[in-house]
């Protein structure tokens, strides 16, 4: 997976790996160790790209059933230094939830 920063300022990102589970008839996503991603956190400077590598950890014990996961790519808020107390800013951060289905 490739992430690109089209802005001119650096941005920090964090990855979370979640697995879809059903508990008491409801669908939930819980953190998982089935998948490995690298890098988990990174800073992406303006105009640059970052390759994110994903791998399934234990393929021998993987059942024939499909398993559903989500990769959460979360932009972390950046610290803004204000020059005077009259000025205020609002910074928006983005979170992407990317579905992945793995089957044999």
PDB file of N, CA and C in Angstrom:
ATOM      1  N   UNK A   1       0.853  -1.144   0.000  1.00  0.00           N
ATOM      2  CA  UNK A   1       0.000   0.000   0.000  1.00  0.00           C
ATOM      3  C   UNK A   1       0.915   1.226   0.000  1.00  0.00           C
ATOM      4  N   UNK A   2       0.547   2.241  -0.781  1.00  0.00           N
ATOM      5  CA  UNK A   2       1.341   3.458  -0.871  1.00  0.00           C
ATOM      6  C   UNK A   2       0.521   4.648  -0.394  1.00  0.00           C
ATOM      7  N   UNK A   3       1.129   5.472   0.447  1.00  0.00           N
ATOM      8  CA  UNK A   3       0.492   6.683   0.972  1.00  0.00           C
ATOM      9  C   UNK A   3       1.288   7.872   0.450  1.00  0.00           C
ATOM     10  N   UNK A   4       0.578   8.911   0.009  1.00  0.00           N
ATOM     11  CA  UNK A   4       1.233  10.097  -0.523  1.00  0.00           C
ATOM     12  C   UNK A   4       0.737  11.341   0.202  1.00  0.00           C
ATOM     13  N   UNK A   5       1.648  12.255   0.478  1.00  0.00           N
ATOM     14  CA  UNK A   5       1.315  13.536   1.096  1.00  0.00           C
ATOM     15  C   UNK A   5       1.359  14.610   0.015  1.00  0.00           C
ATOM     16  N   UNK A   6       0.194  15.098  -0.408  1.00  0.00           N
ATOM     17  CA  UNK A   6       0.118  16.134  -1.431  1.00  0.00           C
ATOM     18  C   UNK A   6       0.166  17.541  -0.844  1.00  0.00           C
ATOM     19  N   UNK A   7       0.307  17.639   0.454  1.00  0.00           N
ATOM     20  CA  UNK A   7       0.400  18.929   1.127  1.00  0.00           C
ATOM     21  C   UNK A   7       1.867  19.371   1.146  1.00  0.00           C
ATOM     22  N   UNK A   8       2.120  20.580   1.565  1.00  0.00           N
ATOM     23  CA  UNK A   8       3.493  21.078   1.653  1.00  0.00           C
ATOM     24  C   UNK A   8       4.079  20.924   3.054  1.00  0.00           C
ATOM     25  N   UNK A   9       3.252  20.562   4.034  1.00  0.00           N
ATOM     26  CA  UNK A   9       3.740  20.392   5.404  1.00  0.00           C
ATOM     27  C   UNK A   9       3.865  18.907   5.739  1.00  0.00           C
ATOM     28  N   UNK A  10       4.797  18.542   6.606  1.00  0.00           N
ATOM     29  CA  UNK A  10       4.922  17.141   7.018  1.00  0.00           C
ATOM     30  C   UNK A  10       3.694  16.686   7.801  1.00  0.00           C
ATOM     31  N   UNK A  11       3.354  15.408   7.659  1.00  0.00           N
ATOM     32  CA  UNK A  11       2.233  14.821   8.391  1.00  0.00           C
ATOM     33  C   UNK A  11       2.712  13.536   9.045  1.00  0.00           C
ATOM     34  N   UNK A  12       2.173  13.258  10.231  1.00  0.00           N
ATOM     35  CA  UNK A  12       2.505  12.024  10.946  1.00  0.00           C
ATOM     36  C   UNK A  12       1.323  11.076  10.846  1.00  0.00           C
ATOM     37  N   UNK A  13       1.625   9.784  10.686  1.00  0.00           N
ATOM     38  CA  UNK A  13       0.596   8.771  10.543  1.00  0.00           C
ATOM     39  C   UNK A  13       0.852   7.603  11.488  1.00  0.00           C
ATOM     40  N   UNK A  14      -0.235   6.899  11.799  1.00  0.00           N
ATOM     41  CA  UNK A  14      -0.174   5.700  12.632  1.00  0.00           C
ATOM     42  C   UNK A  14      -1.074   4.647  11.996  1.00  0.00           C
ATOM     43  N   UNK A  15      -0.616   3.395  12.006  1.00  0.00           N
ATOM     44  CA  UNK A  15      -1.402   2.274  11.484  1.00  0.00           C
ATOM     45  C   UNK A  15      -1.950   1.440  12.625  1.00  0.00           C
ATOM     46  N   UNK A  16      -3.199   1.020  12.492  1.00  0.00           N
ATOM     47  CA  UNK A  16      -3.804   0.060  13.410  1.00  0.00           C
ATOM     48  C   UNK A  16      -4.323  -1.102  12.574  1.00  0.00           C
ATOM     49  N   UNK A  17      -4.145  -2.312  13.065  1.00  0.00           N
ATOM     50  CA  UNK A  17      -4.622  -3.508  12.378  1.00  0.00           C
ATOM     51  C   UNK A  17      -5.734  -4.124  13.206  1.00  0.00           C
ATOM     52  N   UNK A  18      -6.899  -4.274  12.597  1.00  0.00           N
ATOM     53  CA  UNK A  18      -8.071  -4.788  13.300  1.00  0.00           C
ATOM     54  C   UNK A  18      -8.621  -6.015  12.585  1.00  0.00           C
ATOM     55  N   UNK A  19      -9.189  -6.932  13.363  1.00  0.00           N
ATOM     56  CA  UNK A  19      -9.816  -8.140  12.831  1.00  0.00           C
ATOM     57  C   UNK A  19     -11.304  -8.090  13.142  1.00  0.00           C
ATOM     58  N   UNK A  20     -12.133  -8.474  12.156  1.00  0.00           N
ATOM     59  CA  UNK A  20     -13.577  -8.487  12.376  1.00  0.00           C
ATOM     60  C   UNK A  20     -13.956  -9.764  13.113  1.00  0.00           C
ATOM     61  N   UNK A  21     -14.665  -9.596  14.215  1.00  0.00           N
ATOM     62  CA  UNK A  21     -15.151 -10.730  15.005  1.00  0.00           C
ATOM     63  C   UNK A  21     -16.625 -10.516  15.300  1.00  0.00           C
ATOM     64  N   UNK A  22     -17.304 -11.628  15.536  1.00  0.00           N
ATOM     65  CA  UNK A  22     -18.714 -11.566  15.920  1.00  0.00           C
ATOM     66  C   UNK A  22     -18.836 -12.017  17.364  1.00  0.00           C
ATOM     67  N   UNK A  23     -19.382 -11.153  18.199  1.00  0.00           N
ATOM     68  CA  UNK A  23     -19.617 -11.491  19.598  1.00  0.00           C
ATOM     69  C   UNK A  23     -21.048 -11.147  19.951  1.00  0.00           C
ATOM     70  N   UNK A  24     -21.758 -12.146  20.470  1.00  0.00           N
ATOM     71  CA  UNK A  24     -23.160 -11.964  20.867  1.00  0.00           C
ATOM     72  C   UNK A  24     -24.008 -11.417  19.725  1.00  0.00           C
ATOM     73  N   UNK A  25     -23.721 -11.880  18.512  1.00  0.00           N
ATOM     74  CA  UNK A  25     -24.513 -11.477  17.358  1.00  0.00           C
ATOM     75  C   UNK A  25     -24.196 -10.105  16.800  1.00  0.00           C
ATOM     76  N   UNK A  26     -23.183  -9.458  17.319  1.00  0.00           N
ATOM     77  CA  UNK A  26     -22.818  -8.143  16.797  1.00  0.00           C
ATOM     78  C   UNK A  26     -21.416  -8.187  16.195  1.00  0.00           C
ATOM     79  N   UNK A  27     -21.232  -7.382  15.171  1.00  0.00           N
ATOM     80  CA  UNK A  27     -19.945  -7.291  14.491  1.00  0.00           C
ATOM     81  C   UNK A  27     -19.068  -6.266  15.199  1.00  0.00           C
ATOM     82  N   UNK A  28     -17.841  -6.673  15.511  1.00  0.00           N
ATOM     83  CA  UNK A  28     -16.895  -5.777  16.166  1.00  0.00           C
ATOM     84  C   UNK A  28     -15.531  -5.933  15.514  1.00  0.00           C
ATOM     85  N   UNK A  29     -14.717  -4.923  15.661  1.00  0.00           N
ATOM     86  CA  UNK A  29     -13.332  -4.982  15.197  1.00  0.00           C
ATOM     87  C   UNK A  29     -12.415  -4.870  16.406  1.00  0.00           C
ATOM     88  N   UNK A  30     -11.489  -5.834  16.500  1.00  0.00           N
ATOM     89  CA  UNK A  30     -10.551  -5.865  17.630  1.00  0.00           C
ATOM     90  C   UNK A  30      -9.126  -5.887  17.088  1.00  0.00           C
ATOM     91  N   UNK A  31      -8.211  -5.344  17.876  1.00  0.00           N
ATOM     92  CA  UNK A  31      -6.805  -5.359  17.461  1.00  0.00           C
ATOM     93  C   UNK A  31      -6.345  -6.798  17.263  1.00  0.00           C
ATOM     94  N   UNK A  32      -5.470  -7.000  16.285  1.00  0.00           N
ATOM     95  CA  UNK A  32      -5.043  -8.348  15.944  1.00  0.00           C
ATOM     96  C   UNK A  32      -3.529  -8.416  15.783  1.00  0.00           C
ATOM     97  N   UNK A  33      -3.014  -9.637  15.977  1.00  0.00           N
ATOM     98  CA  UNK A  33      -1.608  -9.905  15.682  1.00  0.00           C
ATOM     99  C   UNK A  33      -1.491 -10.849  14.488  1.00  0.00           C
ATOM    100  N   UNK A  34      -2.617 -11.117  13.800  1.00  0.00           N
ATOM    101  CA  UNK A  34      -2.600 -11.973  12.609  1.00  0.00           C
ATOM    102  C   UNK A  34      -1.800 -11.335  11.474  1.00  0.00           C
ATOM    103  N   UNK A  35      -1.860 -10.014  11.393  1.00  0.00           N
ATOM    104  CA  UNK A  35      -1.170  -9.265  10.346  1.00  0.00           C
ATOM    105  C   UNK A  35      -0.023  -8.467  10.952  1.00  0.00           C
ATOM    106  N   UNK A  36       0.974  -8.230  10.123  1.00  0.00           N
ATOM    107  CA  UNK A  36       2.091  -7.384  10.514  1.00  0.00           C
ATOM    108  C   UNK A  36       2.206  -6.279   9.470  1.00  0.00           C
ATOM    109  N   UNK A  37       2.415  -5.051   9.924  1.00  0.00           N
ATOM    110  CA  UNK A  37       2.599  -3.924   9.012  1.00  0.00           C
ATOM    111  C   UNK A  37       3.853  -3.162   9.407  1.00  0.00           C
ATOM    112  N   UNK A  38       4.515  -2.630   8.405  1.00  0.00           N
ATOM    113  CA  UNK A  38       5.675  -1.793   8.676  1.00  0.00           C
ATOM    114  C   UNK A  38       5.749  -0.686   7.634  1.00  0.00           C
ATOM    115  N   UNK A  39       5.997   0.527   8.022  1.00  0.00           N
ATOM    116  CA  UNK A  39       6.157   1.041   9.374  1.00  0.00           C
ATOM    117  C   UNK A  39       4.802   1.253  10.048  1.00  0.00           C
ATOM    118  N   UNK A  40       4.776   1.173  11.367  1.00  0.00           N
ATOM    119  CA  UNK A  40       3.530   1.355  12.121  1.00  0.00           C
ATOM    120  C   UNK A  40       3.251   2.844  12.330  1.00  0.00           C
ATOM    121  N   UNK A  41       4.291   3.615  12.553  1.00  0.00           N
ATOM    122  CA  UNK A  41       4.169   5.074  12.616  1.00  0.00           C
ATOM    123  C   UNK A  41       5.242   5.669  11.709  1.00  0.00           C
ATOM    124  N   UNK A  42       4.899   6.780  11.073  1.00  0.00           N
ATOM    125  CA  UNK A  42       5.867   7.418  10.186  1.00  0.00           C
ATOM    126  C   UNK A  42       5.485   8.872   9.957  1.00  0.00           C
ATOM    127  N   UNK A  43       6.488   9.654   9.580  1.00  0.00           N
ATOM    128  CA  UNK A  43       6.291  11.046   9.184  1.00  0.00           C
ATOM    129  C   UNK A  43       6.476  11.121   7.678  1.00  0.00           C
ATOM    130  N   UNK A  44       5.542  11.769   7.020  1.00  0.00           N
ATOM    131  CA  UNK A  44       5.574  11.881   5.566  1.00  0.00           C
ATOM    132  C   UNK A  44       5.690  13.360   5.207  1.00  0.00           C
ATOM    133  N   UNK A  45       6.808  13.729   4.618  1.00  0.00           N
ATOM    134  CA  UNK A  45       7.051  15.123   4.246  1.00  0.00           C
ATOM    135  C   UNK A  45       6.261  15.472   2.986  1.00  0.00           C
ATOM    136  N   UNK A  46       6.048  16.756   2.778  1.00  0.00           N
ATOM    137  CA  UNK A  46       5.254  17.230   1.649  1.00  0.00           C
ATOM    138  C   UNK A  46       5.765  16.721   0.310  1.00  0.00           C
ATOM    139  N   UNK A  47       4.848  16.226  -0.527  1.00  0.00           N
ATOM    140  CA  UNK A  47       5.192  15.736  -1.852  1.00  0.00           C
ATOM    141  C   UNK A  47       5.835  14.363  -1.881  1.00  0.00           C
ATOM    142  N   UNK A  48       5.978  13.710  -0.756  1.00  0.00           N
ATOM    143  CA  UNK A  48       6.650  12.404  -0.685  1.00  0.00           C
ATOM    144  C   UNK A  48       5.633  11.272  -0.573  1.00  0.00           C
ATOM    145  N   UNK A  49       6.108  10.044  -0.815  1.00  0.00           N
ATOM    146  CA  UNK A  49       5.275   8.849  -0.677  1.00  0.00           C
ATOM    147  C   UNK A  49       5.932   7.892   0.306  1.00  0.00           C
ATOM    148  N   UNK A  50       5.106   7.024   0.887  1.00  0.00           N
ATOM    149  CA  UNK A  50       5.584   6.008   1.827  1.00  0.00           C
ATOM    150  C   UNK A  50       4.951   4.676   1.456  1.00  0.00           C
ATOM    151  N   UNK A  51       5.772   3.662   1.272  1.00  0.00           N
ATOM    152  CA  UNK A  51       5.293   2.311   1.024  1.00  0.00           C
ATOM    153  C   UNK A  51       5.037   1.639   2.365  1.00  0.00           C
ATOM    154  N   UNK A  52       3.859   1.031   2.511  1.00  0.00           N
ATOM    155  CA  UNK A  52       3.514   0.280   3.718  1.00  0.00           C
ATOM    156  C   UNK A  52       3.432  -1.189   3.328  1.00  0.00           C
ATOM    157  N   UNK A  53       4.173  -2.013   4.027  1.00  0.00           N
ATOM    158  CA  UNK A  53       4.180  -3.453   3.740  1.00  0.00           C
ATOM    159  C   UNK A  53       3.293  -4.173   4.747  1.00  0.00           C
ATOM    160  N   UNK A  54       2.497  -5.118   4.232  1.00  0.00           N
ATOM    161  CA  UNK A  54       1.611  -5.931   5.068  1.00  0.00           C
ATOM    162  C   UNK A  54       1.937  -7.395   4.840  1.00  0.00           C
ATOM    163  N   UNK A  55       1.850  -8.185   5.909  1.00  0.00           N
ATOM    164  CA  UNK A  55       2.091  -9.620   5.786  1.00  0.00           C
ATOM    165  C   UNK A  55       1.189 -10.369   6.754  1.00  0.00           C
ATOM    166  N   UNK A  56       0.748 -11.549   6.327  1.00  0.00           N
ATOM    167  CA  UNK A  56       0.008 -12.459   7.191  1.00  0.00           C
ATOM    168  C   UNK A  56       1.042 -13.236   7.991  1.00  0.00           C
ATOM    169  N   UNK A  57       0.905 -13.247   9.316  1.00  0.00           N
ATOM    170  CA  UNK A  57       1.935 -13.798  10.192  1.00  0.00           C
ATOM    171  C   UNK A  57       2.068 -15.315  10.126  1.00  0.00           C
ATOM    172  N   UNK A  58       0.977 -16.038  10.277  1.00  0.00           N
ATOM    173  CA  UNK A  58       1.050 -17.486  10.404  1.00  0.00           C
ATOM    174  C   UNK A  58       0.140 -18.138   9.370  1.00  0.00           C
ATOM    175  N   UNK A  59       0.679 -18.428   8.197  1.00  0.00           N
ATOM    176  CA  UNK A  59      -0.157 -18.973   7.124  1.00  0.00           C
ATOM    177  C   UNK A  59      -0.471 -20.455   7.318  1.00  0.00           C
ATOM    178  N   UNK A  60       0.335 -21.206   8.082  1.00  0.00           N
ATOM    179  CA  UNK A  60       0.062 -22.631   8.287  1.00  0.00           C
ATOM    180  C   UNK A  60      -1.218 -22.848   9.083  1.00  0.00           C
ATOM    181  N   UNK A  61      -1.479 -22.004  10.066  1.00  0.00           N
ATOM    182  CA  UNK A  61      -2.671 -22.155  10.897  1.00  0.00           C
ATOM    183  C   UNK A  61      -3.878 -21.411  10.348  1.00  0.00           C
ATOM    184  N   UNK A  62      -3.750 -20.862   9.165  1.00  0.00           N
ATOM    185  CA  UNK A  62      -4.857 -20.104   8.587  1.00  0.00           C
ATOM    186  C   UNK A  62      -5.892 -21.082   8.049  1.00  0.00           C
ATOM    187  N   UNK A  63      -7.126 -20.920   8.493  1.00  0.00           N
ATOM    188  CA  UNK A  63      -8.191 -21.839   8.086  1.00  0.00           C
ATOM    189  C   UNK A  63      -8.641 -21.535   6.658  1.00  0.00           C
ATOM    190  N   UNK A  64      -9.526 -22.380   6.137  1.00  0.00           N
ATOM    191  CA  UNK A  64     -10.041 -22.180   4.786  1.00  0.00           C
ATOM    192  C   UNK A  64     -11.133 -21.121   4.743  1.00  0.00           C
ATOM    193  N   UNK A  65     -11.623 -20.706   5.896  1.00  0.00           N
ATOM    194  CA  UNK A  65     -12.633 -19.645   5.941  1.00  0.00           C
ATOM    195  C   UNK A  65     -12.011 -18.291   5.640  1.00  0.00           C
ATOM    196  N   UNK A  66     -12.829 -17.419   5.076  1.00  0.00           N
ATOM    197  CA  UNK A  66     -12.383 -16.042   4.865  1.00  0.00           C
ATOM    198  C   UNK A  66     -12.253 -15.330   6.207  1.00  0.00           C
ATOM    199  N   UNK A  67     -11.286 -14.455   6.284  1.00  0.00           N
ATOM    200  CA  UNK A  67     -11.138 -13.613   7.469  1.00  0.00           C
ATOM    201  C   UNK A  67     -11.087 -12.164   7.000  1.00  0.00           C
ATOM    202  N   UNK A  68     -11.791 -11.326   7.732  1.00  0.00           N
ATOM    203  CA  UNK A  68     -11.888  -9.920   7.362  1.00  0.00           C
ATOM    204  C   UNK A  68     -11.116  -9.059   8.351  1.00  0.00           C
ATOM    205  N   UNK A  69     -10.402  -8.109   7.803  1.00  0.00           N
ATOM    206  CA  UNK A  69      -9.583  -7.201   8.594  1.00  0.00           C
ATOM    207  C   UNK A  69      -9.827  -5.770   8.130  1.00  0.00           C
ATOM    208  N   UNK A  70      -9.352  -4.842   8.927  1.00  0.00           N
ATOM    209  CA  UNK A  70      -9.349  -3.425   8.555  1.00  0.00           C
ATOM    210  C   UNK A  70      -7.990  -2.851   8.906  1.00  0.00           C
ATOM    211  N   UNK A  71      -7.462  -2.075   7.987  1.00  0.00           N
ATOM    212  CA  UNK A  71      -6.263  -1.295   8.256  1.00  0.00           C
ATOM    213  C   UNK A  71      -6.738   0.128   8.492  1.00  0.00           C
ATOM    214  N   UNK A  72      -6.444   0.637   9.656  1.00  0.00           N
ATOM    215  CA  UNK A  72      -6.796   2.014   9.979  1.00  0.00           C
ATOM    216  C   UNK A  72      -5.536   2.855   9.798  1.00  0.00           C
ATOM    217  N   UNK A  73      -5.590   3.779   8.869  1.00  0.00           N
ATOM    218  CA  UNK A  73      -4.495   4.722   8.654  1.00  0.00           C
ATOM    219  C   UNK A  73      -4.946   6.046   9.244  1.00  0.00           C
ATOM    220  N   UNK A  74      -4.348   6.398  10.358  1.00  0.00           N
ATOM    221  CA  UNK A  74      -4.773   7.572  11.120  1.00  0.00           C
ATOM    222  C   UNK A  74      -3.709   8.670  11.025  1.00  0.00           C
ATOM    223  N   UNK A  75      -4.147   9.831  10.562  1.00  0.00           N
ATOM    224  CA  UNK A  75      -3.264  10.995  10.577  1.00  0.00           C
ATOM    225  C   UNK A  75      -3.257  11.553  11.993  1.00  0.00           C
ATOM    226  N   UNK A  76      -2.080  11.788  12.520  1.00  0.00           N
ATOM    227  CA  UNK A  76      -1.961  12.306  13.879  1.00  0.00           C
ATOM    228  C   UNK A  76      -1.960  13.833  13.856  1.00  0.00           C
ATOM    229  N   UNK A  77      -2.588  14.454  14.852  1.00  0.00           N
ATOM    230  CA  UNK A  77      -2.605  15.921  14.873  1.00  0.00           C
ATOM    231  C   UNK A  77      -1.198  16.481  15.059  1.00  0.00           C
ATOM    232  N   UNK A  78      -0.955  17.597  14.420  1.00  0.00           N
ATOM    233  CA  UNK A  78       0.361  18.217  14.563  1.00  0.00           C
ATOM    234  C   UNK A  78       0.267  19.408  15.495  1.00  0.00           C
ATOM    235  N   UNK A  79       1.345  19.665  16.147  1.00  0.00           N
ATOM    236  CA  UNK A  79       1.411  20.791  17.077  1.00  0.00           C
ATOM    237  C   UNK A  79       1.632  22.072  16.274  1.00  0.00           C
ATOM    238  N   UNK A  80       0.796  23.057  16.537  1.00  0.00           N
ATOM    239  CA  UNK A  80       0.897  24.338  15.840  1.00  0.00           C
ATOM    240  C   UNK A  80       1.298  25.403  16.845  1.00  0.00           C
ATOM    241  N   UNK A  81       2.358  26.117  16.537  1.00  0.00           N
ATOM    242  CA  UNK A  81       2.808  27.198  17.416  1.00  0.00           C
ATOM    243  C   UNK A  81       2.205  28.504  16.903  1.00  0.00           C
ATOM    244  N   UNK A  82       1.386  29.121  17.726  1.00  0.00           N
ATOM    245  CA  UNK A  82       0.758  30.382  17.354  1.00  0.00           C
ATOM    246  C   UNK A  82       1.663  31.541  17.746  1.00  0.00           C
ATOM    247  N   UNK A  83       1.791  32.501  16.854  1.00  0.00           N
ATOM    248  CA  UNK A  83       2.662  33.652  17.104  1.00  0.00           C
ATOM    249  C   UNK A  83       2.047  34.635  18.092  1.00  0.00           C
ATOM    250  N   UNK A  84       0.730  34.788  18.053  1.00  0.00           N
ATOM    251  CA  UNK A  84       0.073  35.664  19.021  1.00  0.00           C
ATOM    252  C   UNK A  84      -1.255  35.040  19.418  1.00  0.00           C
ATOM    253  N   UNK A  85      -1.806  35.488  20.493  1.00  0.00           N
ATOM    254  CA  UNK A  85      -3.025  34.872  21.022  1.00  0.00           C
ATOM    255  C   UNK A  85      -4.285  35.285  20.278  1.00  0.00           C
ATOM    256  N   UNK A  86      -4.187  36.261  19.361  1.00  0.00           N
ATOM    257  CA  UNK A  86      -5.355  36.711  18.603  1.00  0.00           C
ATOM    258  C   UNK A  86      -5.691  35.714  17.500  1.00  0.00           C
ATOM    259  N   UNK A  87      -4.683  35.089  16.933  1.00  0.00           N
ATOM    260  CA  UNK A  87      -4.884  34.168  15.819  1.00  0.00           C
ATOM    261  C   UNK A  87      -5.233  32.778  16.341  1.00  0.00           C
ATOM    262  N   UNK A  88      -6.163  32.140  15.674  1.00  0.00           N
ATOM    263  CA  UNK A  88      -6.470  30.748  16.002  1.00  0.00           C
ATOM    264  C   UNK A  88      -6.597  29.965  14.706  1.00  0.00           C
ATOM    265  N   UNK A  89      -6.314  28.687  14.777  1.00  0.00           N
ATOM    266  CA  UNK A  89      -6.398  27.838  13.594  1.00  0.00           C
ATOM    267  C   UNK A  89      -7.134  26.560  13.929  1.00  0.00           C
ATOM    268  N   UNK A  90      -7.642  25.938  12.890  1.00  0.00           N
ATOM    269  CA  UNK A  90      -8.266  24.628  13.012  1.00  0.00           C
ATOM    270  C   UNK A  90      -7.540  23.702  12.048  1.00  0.00           C
ATOM    271  N   UNK A  91      -7.025  22.601  12.554  1.00  0.00           N
ATOM    272  CA  UNK A  91      -6.374  21.599  11.718  1.00  0.00           C
ATOM    273  C   UNK A  91      -7.231  20.349  11.698  1.00  0.00           C
ATOM    274  N   UNK A  92      -7.545  19.881  10.504  1.00  0.00           N
ATOM    275  CA  UNK A  92      -8.316  18.653  10.364  1.00  0.00           C
ATOM    276  C   UNK A  92      -7.362  17.493  10.127  1.00  0.00           C
ATOM    277  N   UNK A  93      -7.655  16.378  10.752  1.00  0.00           N
ATOM    278  CA  UNK A  93      -6.888  15.160  10.510  1.00  0.00           C
ATOM    279  C   UNK A  93      -7.829  14.121   9.914  1.00  0.00           C
ATOM    280  N   UNK A  94      -7.257  13.211   9.156  1.00  0.00           N
ATOM    281  CA  UNK A  94      -8.047  12.231   8.416  1.00  0.00           C
ATOM    282  C   UNK A  94      -7.731  10.835   8.925  1.00  0.00           C
ATOM    283  N   UNK A  95      -8.746   9.985   8.918  1.00  0.00           N
ATOM    284  CA  UNK A  95      -8.554   8.572   9.240  1.00  0.00           C
ATOM    285  C   UNK A  95      -9.203   7.756   8.131  1.00  0.00           C
ATOM    286  N   UNK A  96      -8.436   6.844   7.545  1.00  0.00           N
ATOM    287  CA  UNK A  96      -8.946   5.962   6.501  1.00  0.00           C
ATOM    288  C   UNK A  96      -9.115   4.566   7.087  1.00  0.00           C
ATOM    289  N   UNK A  97     -10.211   3.916   6.757  1.00  0.00           N
ATOM    290  CA  UNK A  97     -10.479   2.544   7.179  1.00  0.00           C
ATOM    291  C   UNK A  97     -10.530   1.687   5.915  1.00  0.00           C
ATOM    292  N   UNK A  98      -9.520   0.846   5.725  1.00  0.00           N
ATOM    293  CA  UNK A  98      -9.363   0.089   4.488  1.00  0.00           C
ATOM    294  C   UNK A  98      -9.669  -1.382   4.756  1.00  0.00           C
ATOM    295  N   UNK A  99     -10.715  -1.937   4.101  1.00  0.00           N
ATOM    296  CA  UNK A  99     -11.064  -3.343   4.335  1.00  0.00           C
ATOM    297  C   UNK A  99     -10.128  -4.292   3.587  1.00  0.00           C
ATOM    298  N   UNK A 100      -9.844  -5.428   4.224  1.00  0.00           N
ATOM    299  CA  UNK A 100      -9.044  -6.493   3.611  1.00  0.00           C
ATOM    300  C   UNK A 100      -9.721  -7.820   3.919  1.00  0.00           C
ATOM    301  N   UNK A 101      -9.897  -8.648   2.898  1.00  0.00           N
ATOM    302  CA  UNK A 101     -10.410 -10.005   3.083  1.00  0.00           C
ATOM    303  C   UNK A 101      -9.335 -10.980   2.630  1.00  0.00           C
ATOM    304  N   UNK A 102      -9.018 -11.956   3.490  1.00  0.00           N
ATOM    305  CA  UNK A 102      -8.011 -12.966   3.172  1.00  0.00           C
ATOM    306  C   UNK A 102      -8.695 -14.320   3.140  1.00  0.00           C
ATOM    307  N   UNK A 103      -8.473 -15.048   2.044  1.00  0.00           N
ATOM    308  CA  UNK A 103      -9.043 -16.396   1.930  1.00  0.00           C
ATOM    309  C   UNK A 103      -8.018 -17.300   1.261  1.00  0.00           C
ATOM    310  N   UNK A 104      -8.208 -18.584   1.450  1.00  0.00           N
ATOM    311  CA  UNK A 104      -7.312 -19.565   0.824  1.00  0.00           C
ATOM    312  C   UNK A 104      -7.947 -20.137  -0.396  1.00  0.00           C
TER     313      UNK A 104
END
